[in-house]
Amino acid sequence: MIGLLVTLVVYALVLGLIYWLVDYLLGVFPLPDPIPRVIRAVLIIVIVLVVISVLLGFVGYEPVMPRWRYP
Protein backbone atom coordinates (compact mmCIF):
# COMPACT_ATOMS: atom_id res chain seq x y z
CA MET A 1 0.00 0.00 0.00
CA ILE A 2 2.85 2.40 0.78
CA GLY A 3 4.47 1.55 -2.56
CA LEU A 4 1.26 2.48 -4.33
CA LEU A 5 1.14 5.87 -2.62
CA VAL A 6 4.80 6.58 -3.38
CA THR A 7 4.25 5.67 -7.03
CA LEU A 8 1.22 7.96 -7.25
CA VAL A 9 3.19 10.83 -5.70
CA VAL A 10 6.05 10.30 -8.15
CA TYR A 11 3.67 10.26 -11.11
CA ALA A 12 1.96 13.41 -9.83
CA LEU A 13 5.29 15.20 -9.41
CA VAL A 14 6.56 14.23 -12.86
CA LEU A 15 3.32 15.11 -14.64
CA GLY A 16 3.07 18.38 -12.72
CA LEU A 17 6.65 19.24 -13.63
CA ILE A 18 5.99 18.54 -17.31
CA TYR A 19 2.85 20.71 -17.22
CA TRP A 20 4.71 23.53 -15.46
CA LEU A 21 7.58 23.37 -17.96
CA VAL A 22 5.28 23.54 -20.98
CA ASP A 23 3.28 26.36 -19.40
CA TYR A 24 6.50 28.26 -18.61
CA LEU A 25 7.84 27.82 -22.14
CA LEU A 26 4.55 29.00 -23.61
CA GLY A 27 4.88 32.15 -21.49
CA VAL A 28 8.49 32.76 -22.51
CA PHE A 29 7.96 32.24 -26.23
CA PRO A 30 4.78 34.10 -27.21
CA LEU A 31 2.77 32.41 -29.93
CA PRO A 32 -0.38 33.54 -31.76
CA ASP A 33 -3.56 33.19 -29.69
CA PRO A 34 -5.12 29.80 -30.48
CA ILE A 35 -1.87 27.81 -30.49
CA PRO A 36 -1.06 27.99 -26.72
CA ARG A 37 -4.63 27.09 -25.81
CA VAL A 38 -4.54 24.07 -28.11
CA ILE A 39 -1.17 22.96 -26.71
CA ARG A 40 -2.43 23.27 -23.11
CA ALA A 41 -5.64 21.37 -23.94
CA VAL A 42 -3.74 18.54 -25.62
CA LEU A 43 -1.30 18.39 -22.69
CA ILE A 44 -4.12 18.14 -20.17
CA ILE A 45 -5.81 15.39 -22.20
CA VAL A 46 -2.56 13.41 -22.35
CA ILE A 47 -1.98 13.85 -18.61
CA VAL A 48 -5.52 12.68 -17.81
CA LEU A 49 -5.10 9.62 -20.03
CA VAL A 50 -1.78 8.75 -18.36
CA VAL A 51 -3.33 9.09 -14.90
CA ILE A 52 -6.29 6.89 -15.88
CA SER A 53 -3.93 4.30 -17.34
CA VAL A 54 -1.79 4.29 -14.18
CA LEU A 55 -4.83 3.94 -11.92
CA LEU A 56 -6.22 1.11 -14.05
CA GLY A 57 -2.85 -0.62 -13.85
CA PHE A 58 -2.98 -0.43 -10.06
CA VAL A 59 -6.34 -2.17 -9.87
CA GLY A 60 -5.12 -4.99 -12.09
CA TYR A 61 -6.46 -4.05 -15.51
CA GLU A 62 -3.72 -3.97 -18.11
CA PRO A 63 -5.05 -2.63 -21.40
CA VAL A 64 -3.45 -4.46 -24.30
CA MET A 65 -3.43 -3.66 -27.97
CA PRO A 66 -5.40 -6.12 -30.10
CA ARG A 67 -3.18 -8.49 -32.04
CA TRP A 68 -3.63 -9.03 -35.74
CA ARG A 69 -4.06 -12.68 -36.50
CA TYR A 70 -2.74 -13.95 -39.75
CA PRO A 71 -4.45 -16.97 -41.26
PDB file of N, CA and C in Angstrom:
ATOM      1  N   MET A   1       0.821  -1.191   0.000  1.00  0.00           N
ATOM      2  CA  MET A   1       0.000   0.000   0.000  1.00  0.00           C
ATOM      3  C   MET A   1       0.866   1.255   0.000  1.00  0.00           C
ATOM      4  N   ILE A   2       1.962   1.245   0.757  1.00  0.00           N
ATOM      5  CA  ILE A   2       2.853   2.402   0.784  1.00  0.00           C
ATOM      6  C   ILE A   2       3.515   2.583  -0.580  1.00  0.00           C
ATOM      7  N   GLY A   3       3.871   1.480  -1.232  1.00  0.00           N
ATOM      8  CA  GLY A   3       4.472   1.550  -2.562  1.00  0.00           C
ATOM      9  C   GLY A   3       3.538   2.194  -3.572  1.00  0.00           C
ATOM     10  N   LEU A   4       2.261   1.883  -3.448  1.00  0.00           N
ATOM     11  CA  LEU A   4       1.264   2.483  -4.328  1.00  0.00           C
ATOM     12  C   LEU A   4       1.197   3.993  -4.128  1.00  0.00           C
ATOM     13  N   LEU A   5       1.193   4.434  -2.900  1.00  0.00           N
ATOM     14  CA  LEU A   5       1.138   5.869  -2.622  1.00  0.00           C
ATOM     15  C   LEU A   5       2.395   6.584  -3.103  1.00  0.00           C
ATOM     16  N   VAL A   6       3.547   5.969  -2.904  1.00  0.00           N
ATOM     17  CA  VAL A   6       4.798   6.577  -3.375  1.00  0.00           C
ATOM     18  C   VAL A   6       4.790   6.683  -4.895  1.00  0.00           C
ATOM     19  N   THR A   7       4.315   5.640  -5.569  1.00  0.00           N
ATOM     20  CA  THR A   7       4.246   5.670  -7.029  1.00  0.00           C
ATOM     21  C   THR A   7       3.304   6.757  -7.514  1.00  0.00           C
ATOM     22  N   LEU A   8       2.154   6.902  -6.867  1.00  0.00           N
ATOM     23  CA  LEU A   8       1.218   7.957  -7.247  1.00  0.00           C
ATOM     24  C   LEU A   8       1.820   9.346  -7.043  1.00  0.00           C
ATOM     25  N   VAL A   9       2.548   9.536  -5.958  1.00  0.00           N
ATOM     26  CA  VAL A   9       3.188  10.831  -5.701  1.00  0.00           C
ATOM     27  C   VAL A   9       4.254  11.119  -6.757  1.00  0.00           C
ATOM     28  N   VAL A  10       5.024  10.102  -7.123  1.00  0.00           N
ATOM     29  CA  VAL A  10       6.055  10.301  -8.151  1.00  0.00           C
ATOM     30  C   VAL A  10       5.420  10.650  -9.481  1.00  0.00           C
ATOM     31  N   TYR A  11       4.368   9.934  -9.871  1.00  0.00           N
ATOM     32  CA  TYR A  11       3.671  10.265 -11.112  1.00  0.00           C
ATOM     33  C   TYR A  11       3.108  11.680 -11.069  1.00  0.00           C
ATOM     34  N   ALA A  12       2.523  12.061  -9.953  1.00  0.00           N
ATOM     35  CA  ALA A  12       1.962  13.410  -9.831  1.00  0.00           C
ATOM     36  C   ALA A  12       3.058  14.467  -9.945  1.00  0.00           C
ATOM     37  N   LEU A  13       4.195  14.232  -9.321  1.00  0.00           N
ATOM     38  CA  LEU A  13       5.295  15.198  -9.414  1.00  0.00           C
ATOM     39  C   LEU A  13       5.837  15.314 -10.837  1.00  0.00           C
ATOM     40  N   VAL A  14       6.025  14.199 -11.502  1.00  0.00           N
ATOM     41  CA  VAL A  14       6.563  14.228 -12.863  1.00  0.00           C
ATOM     42  C   VAL A  14       5.582  14.880 -13.828  1.00  0.00           C
ATOM     43  N   LEU A  15       4.313  14.505 -13.746  1.00  0.00           N
ATOM     44  CA  LEU A  15       3.320  15.105 -14.639  1.00  0.00           C
ATOM     45  C   LEU A  15       3.130  16.589 -14.344  1.00  0.00           C
ATOM     46  N   GLY A  16       3.167  16.967 -13.072  1.00  0.00           N
ATOM     47  CA  GLY A  16       3.071  18.383 -12.718  1.00  0.00           C
ATOM     48  C   GLY A  16       4.269  19.166 -13.213  1.00  0.00           C
ATOM     49  N   LEU A  17       5.457  18.578 -13.138  1.00  0.00           N
ATOM     50  CA  LEU A  17       6.655  19.237 -13.634  1.00  0.00           C
ATOM     51  C   LEU A  17       6.602  19.422 -15.149  1.00  0.00           C
ATOM     52  N   ILE A  18       6.127  18.417 -15.856  1.00  0.00           N
ATOM     53  CA  ILE A  18       5.993  18.536 -17.308  1.00  0.00           C
ATOM     54  C   ILE A  18       4.990  19.625 -17.658  1.00  0.00           C
ATOM     55  N   TYR A  19       3.848  19.666 -16.949  1.00  0.00           N
ATOM     56  CA  TYR A  19       2.853  20.705 -17.223  1.00  0.00           C
ATOM     57  C   TYR A  19       3.427  22.093 -16.927  1.00  0.00           C
ATOM     58  N   TRP A  20       4.126  22.241 -15.804  1.00  0.00           N
ATOM     59  CA  TRP A  20       4.711  23.534 -15.460  1.00  0.00           C
ATOM     60  C   TRP A  20       5.731  23.964 -16.511  1.00  0.00           C
ATOM     61  N   LEU A  21       6.558  23.041 -16.974  1.00  0.00           N
ATOM     62  CA  LEU A  21       7.585  23.372 -17.959  1.00  0.00           C
ATOM     63  C   LEU A  21       6.963  23.834 -19.270  1.00  0.00           C
ATOM     64  N   VAL A  22       5.950  23.130 -19.741  1.00  0.00           N
ATOM     65  CA  VAL A  22       5.285  23.536 -20.985  1.00  0.00           C
ATOM     66  C   VAL A  22       4.599  24.881 -20.797  1.00  0.00           C
ATOM     67  N   ASP A  23       3.944  25.085 -19.673  1.00  0.00           N
ATOM     68  CA  ASP A  23       3.284  26.360 -19.405  1.00  0.00           C
ATOM     69  C   ASP A  23       4.297  27.504 -19.327  1.00  0.00           C
ATOM     70  N   TYR A  24       5.446  27.260 -18.701  1.00  0.00           N
ATOM     71  CA  TYR A  24       6.499  28.261 -18.614  1.00  0.00           C
ATOM     72  C   TYR A  24       7.058  28.603 -19.996  1.00  0.00           C
ATOM     73  N   LEU A  25       7.311  27.576 -20.800  1.00  0.00           N
ATOM     74  CA  LEU A  25       7.845  27.822 -22.135  1.00  0.00           C
ATOM     75  C   LEU A  25       6.847  28.558 -23.022  1.00  0.00           C
ATOM     76  N   LEU A  26       5.557  28.273 -22.844  1.00  0.00           N
ATOM     77  CA  LEU A  26       4.553  29.005 -23.613  1.00  0.00           C
ATOM     78  C   LEU A  26       4.504  30.468 -23.187  1.00  0.00           C
ATOM     79  N   GLY A  27       4.830  30.769 -21.939  1.00  0.00           N
ATOM     80  CA  GLY A  27       4.879  32.154 -21.487  1.00  0.00           C
ATOM     81  C   GLY A  27       6.122  32.875 -21.963  1.00  0.00           C
ATOM     82  N   VAL A  28       7.230  32.143 -22.083  1.00  0.00           N
ATOM     83  CA  VAL A  28       8.494  32.761 -22.508  1.00  0.00           C
ATOM     84  C   VAL A  28       8.488  33.038 -24.008  1.00  0.00           C
ATOM     85  N   PHE A  29       8.001  32.092 -24.779  1.00  0.00           N
ATOM     86  CA  PHE A  29       7.958  32.242 -26.230  1.00  0.00           C
ATOM     87  C   PHE A  29       6.525  32.517 -26.659  1.00  0.00           C
ATOM     88  N   PRO A  30       6.173  33.779 -26.854  1.00  0.00           N
ATOM     89  CA  PRO A  30       4.783  34.097 -27.208  1.00  0.00           C
ATOM     90  C   PRO A  30       4.427  33.569 -28.596  1.00  0.00           C
ATOM     91  N   LEU A  31       3.288  32.941 -28.676  1.00  0.00           N
ATOM     92  CA  LEU A  31       2.775  32.408 -29.929  1.00  0.00           C
ATOM     93  C   LEU A  31       1.432  33.066 -30.213  1.00  0.00           C
ATOM     94  N   PRO A  32       0.952  33.003 -31.460  1.00  0.00           N
ATOM     95  CA  PRO A  32      -0.383  33.536 -31.762  1.00  0.00           C
ATOM     96  C   PRO A  32      -1.450  32.861 -30.891  1.00  0.00           C
ATOM     97  N   ASP A  33      -2.565  33.543 -30.716  1.00  0.00           N
ATOM     98  CA  ASP A  33      -3.557  33.189 -29.688  1.00  0.00           C
ATOM     99  C   ASP A  33      -4.034  31.746 -29.663  1.00  0.00           C
ATOM    100  N   PRO A  34      -4.525  31.126 -30.714  1.00  0.00           N
ATOM    101  CA  PRO A  34      -5.115  29.796 -30.481  1.00  0.00           C
ATOM    102  C   PRO A  34      -4.095  28.696 -30.218  1.00  0.00           C
ATOM    103  N   ILE A  35      -2.851  28.883 -30.613  1.00  0.00           N
ATOM    104  CA  ILE A  35      -1.870  27.806 -30.492  1.00  0.00           C
ATOM    105  C   ILE A  35      -1.579  27.445 -29.032  1.00  0.00           C
ATOM    106  N   PRO A  36      -1.308  28.397 -28.121  1.00  0.00           N
ATOM    107  CA  PRO A  36      -1.056  27.992 -26.723  1.00  0.00           C
ATOM    108  C   PRO A  36      -2.249  27.300 -26.057  1.00  0.00           C
ATOM    109  N   ARG A  37      -3.453  27.742 -26.401  1.00  0.00           N
ATOM    110  CA  ARG A  37      -4.632  27.092 -25.811  1.00  0.00           C
ATOM    111  C   ARG A  37      -4.769  25.655 -26.291  1.00  0.00           C
ATOM    112  N   VAL A  38      -4.475  25.424 -27.565  1.00  0.00           N
ATOM    113  CA  VAL A  38      -4.545  24.069 -28.106  1.00  0.00           C
ATOM    114  C   VAL A  38      -3.473  23.191 -27.470  1.00  0.00           C
ATOM    115  N   ILE A  39      -2.256  23.731 -27.315  1.00  0.00           N
ATOM    116  CA  ILE A  39      -1.170  22.958 -26.709  1.00  0.00           C
ATOM    117  C   ILE A  39      -1.513  22.602 -25.270  1.00  0.00           C
ATOM    118  N   ARG A  40      -2.050  23.552 -24.511  1.00  0.00           N
ATOM    119  CA  ARG A  40      -2.429  23.265 -23.114  1.00  0.00           C
ATOM    120  C   ARG A  40      -3.548  22.226 -23.045  1.00  0.00           C
ATOM    121  N   ALA A  41      -4.526  22.324 -23.939  1.00  0.00           N
ATOM    122  CA  ALA A  41      -5.638  21.370 -23.941  1.00  0.00           C
ATOM    123  C   ALA A  41      -5.146  19.960 -24.269  1.00  0.00           C
ATOM    124  N   VAL A  42      -4.272  19.845 -25.254  1.00  0.00           N
ATOM    125  CA  VAL A  42      -3.736  18.537 -25.616  1.00  0.00           C
ATOM    126  C   VAL A  42      -2.892  17.976 -24.468  1.00  0.00           C
ATOM    127  N   LEU A  43      -2.119  18.836 -23.827  1.00  0.00           N
ATOM    128  CA  LEU A  43      -1.296  18.393 -22.693  1.00  0.00           C
ATOM    129  C   LEU A  43      -2.167  17.881 -21.552  1.00  0.00           C
ATOM    130  N   ILE A  44      -3.229  18.581 -21.240  1.00  0.00           N
ATOM    131  CA  ILE A  44      -4.121  18.144 -20.166  1.00  0.00           C
ATOM    132  C   ILE A  44      -4.796  16.824 -20.527  1.00  0.00           C
ATOM    133  N   ILE A  45      -5.196  16.651 -21.777  1.00  0.00           N
ATOM    134  CA  ILE A  45      -5.811  15.394 -22.198  1.00  0.00           C
ATOM    135  C   ILE A  45      -4.825  14.241 -22.062  1.00  0.00           C
ATOM    136  N   VAL A  46      -3.577  14.465 -22.471  1.00  0.00           N
ATOM    137  CA  VAL A  46      -2.562  13.409 -22.355  1.00  0.00           C
ATOM    138  C   VAL A  46      -2.302  13.075 -20.890  1.00  0.00           C
ATOM    139  N   ILE A  47      -2.215  14.096 -20.038  1.00  0.00           N
ATOM    140  CA  ILE A  47      -1.978  13.852 -18.611  1.00  0.00           C
ATOM    141  C   ILE A  47      -3.131  13.062 -17.995  1.00  0.00           C
ATOM    142  N   VAL A  48      -4.362  13.404 -18.335  1.00  0.00           N
ATOM    143  CA  VAL A  48      -5.519  12.678 -17.806  1.00  0.00           C
ATOM    144  C   VAL A  48      -5.506  11.227 -18.273  1.00  0.00           C
ATOM    145  N   LEU A  49      -5.164  10.990 -19.530  1.00  0.00           N
ATOM    146  CA  LEU A  49      -5.099   9.623 -20.033  1.00  0.00           C
ATOM    147  C   LEU A  49      -4.001   8.814 -19.341  1.00  0.00           C
ATOM    148  N   VAL A  50      -2.860   9.441 -19.071  1.00  0.00           N
ATOM    149  CA  VAL A  50      -1.778   8.749 -18.360  1.00  0.00           C
ATOM    150  C   VAL A  50      -2.219   8.407 -16.944  1.00  0.00           C
ATOM    151  N   VAL A  51      -2.870   9.340 -16.270  1.00  0.00           N
ATOM    152  CA  VAL A  51      -3.333   9.088 -14.899  1.00  0.00           C
ATOM    153  C   VAL A  51      -4.369   7.965 -14.878  1.00  0.00           C
ATOM    154  N   ILE A  52      -5.287   7.964 -15.816  1.00  0.00           N
ATOM    155  CA  ILE A  52      -6.288   6.895 -15.878  1.00  0.00           C
ATOM    156  C   ILE A  52      -5.610   5.557 -16.141  1.00  0.00           C
ATOM    157  N   SER A  53      -4.638   5.537 -17.037  1.00  0.00           N
ATOM    158  CA  SER A  53      -3.927   4.299 -17.335  1.00  0.00           C
ATOM    159  C   SER A  53      -3.168   3.789 -16.112  1.00  0.00           C
ATOM    160  N   VAL A  54      -2.527   4.696 -15.380  1.00  0.00           N
ATOM    161  CA  VAL A  54      -1.795   4.291 -14.175  1.00  0.00           C
ATOM    162  C   VAL A  54      -2.757   3.743 -13.125  1.00  0.00           C
ATOM    163  N   LEU A  55      -3.863   4.412 -12.910  1.00  0.00           N
ATOM    164  CA  LEU A  55      -4.829   3.938 -11.918  1.00  0.00           C
ATOM    165  C   LEU A  55      -5.439   2.598 -12.316  1.00  0.00           C
ATOM    166  N   LEU A  56      -5.710   2.401 -13.607  1.00  0.00           N
ATOM    167  CA  LEU A  56      -6.224   1.105 -14.051  1.00  0.00           C
ATOM    168  C   LEU A  56      -5.179   0.011 -13.877  1.00  0.00           C
ATOM    169  N   GLY A  57      -3.910   0.354 -14.072  1.00  0.00           N
ATOM    170  CA  GLY A  57      -2.854  -0.624 -13.848  1.00  0.00           C
ATOM    171  C   GLY A  57      -2.759  -1.032 -12.394  1.00  0.00           C
ATOM    172  N   PHE A  58      -3.045  -0.116 -11.479  1.00  0.00           N
ATOM    173  CA  PHE A  58      -2.982  -0.432 -10.057  1.00  0.00           C
ATOM    174  C   PHE A  58      -4.094  -1.371  -9.622  1.00  0.00           C
ATOM    175  N   VAL A  59      -5.242  -1.287 -10.267  1.00  0.00           N
ATOM    176  CA  VAL A  59      -6.338  -2.167  -9.874  1.00  0.00           C
ATOM    177  C   VAL A  59      -6.303  -3.497 -10.605  1.00  0.00           C
ATOM    178  N   GLY A  60      -5.298  -3.686 -11.471  1.00  0.00           N
ATOM    179  CA  GLY A  60      -5.125  -4.988 -12.094  1.00  0.00           C
ATOM    180  C   GLY A  60      -5.542  -5.072 -13.541  1.00  0.00           C
ATOM    181  N   TYR A  61      -6.058  -4.020 -14.100  1.00  0.00           N
ATOM    182  CA  TYR A  61      -6.464  -4.049 -15.506  1.00  0.00           C
ATOM    183  C   TYR A  61      -5.322  -3.527 -16.359  1.00  0.00           C
ATOM    184  N   GLU A  62      -4.788  -4.372 -17.210  1.00  0.00           N
ATOM    185  CA  GLU A  62      -3.721  -3.970 -18.112  1.00  0.00           C
ATOM    186  C   GLU A  62      -4.292  -3.914 -19.526  1.00  0.00           C
ATOM    187  N   PRO A  63      -4.519  -2.709 -20.037  1.00  0.00           N
ATOM    188  CA  PRO A  63      -5.046  -2.628 -21.404  1.00  0.00           C
ATOM    189  C   PRO A  63      -3.991  -3.091 -22.410  1.00  0.00           C
ATOM    190  N   VAL A  64      -4.379  -3.946 -23.291  1.00  0.00           N
ATOM    191  CA  VAL A  64      -3.448  -4.458 -24.295  1.00  0.00           C
ATOM    192  C   VAL A  64      -3.973  -4.105 -25.679  1.00  0.00           C
ATOM    193  N   MET A  65      -3.053  -3.938 -26.589  1.00  0.00           N
ATOM    194  CA  MET A  65      -3.432  -3.662 -27.965  1.00  0.00           C
ATOM    195  C   MET A  65      -3.907  -4.964 -28.614  1.00  0.00           C
ATOM    196  N   PRO A  66      -4.953  -4.891 -29.435  1.00  0.00           N
ATOM    197  CA  PRO A  66      -5.402  -6.125 -30.099  1.00  0.00           C
ATOM    198  C   PRO A  66      -4.338  -6.613 -31.084  1.00  0.00           C
ATOM    199  N   ARG A  67      -4.164  -7.906 -31.127  1.00  0.00           N
ATOM    200  CA  ARG A  67      -3.179  -8.493 -32.036  1.00  0.00           C
ATOM    201  C   ARG A  67      -3.850  -8.868 -33.353  1.00  0.00           C
ATOM    202  N   TRP A  68      -3.140  -8.613 -34.423  1.00  0.00           N
ATOM    203  CA  TRP A  68      -3.630  -9.034 -35.741  1.00  0.00           C
ATOM    204  C   TRP A  68      -3.297 -10.494 -35.914  1.00  0.00           C
ATOM    205  N   ARG A  69      -4.275 -11.244 -36.295  1.00  0.00           N
ATOM    206  CA  ARG A  69      -4.064 -12.684 -36.495  1.00  0.00           C
ATOM    207  C   ARG A  69      -3.983 -12.956 -37.990  1.00  0.00           C
ATOM    208  N   TYR A  70      -2.904 -13.585 -38.343  1.00  0.00           N
ATOM    209  CA  TYR A  70      -2.739 -13.952 -39.750  1.00  0.00           C
ATOM    210  C   TYR A  70      -3.223 -15.369 -39.946  1.00  0.00           C
ATOM    211  N   PRO A  71      -3.912 -15.605 -41.038  1.00  0.00           N
ATOM    212  CA  PRO A  71      -4.450 -16.968 -41.262  1.00  0.00           C
ATOM    213  C   PRO A  71      -3.357 -17.966 -41.532  1.00  0.00           C
TER     214      PRO A  71
END
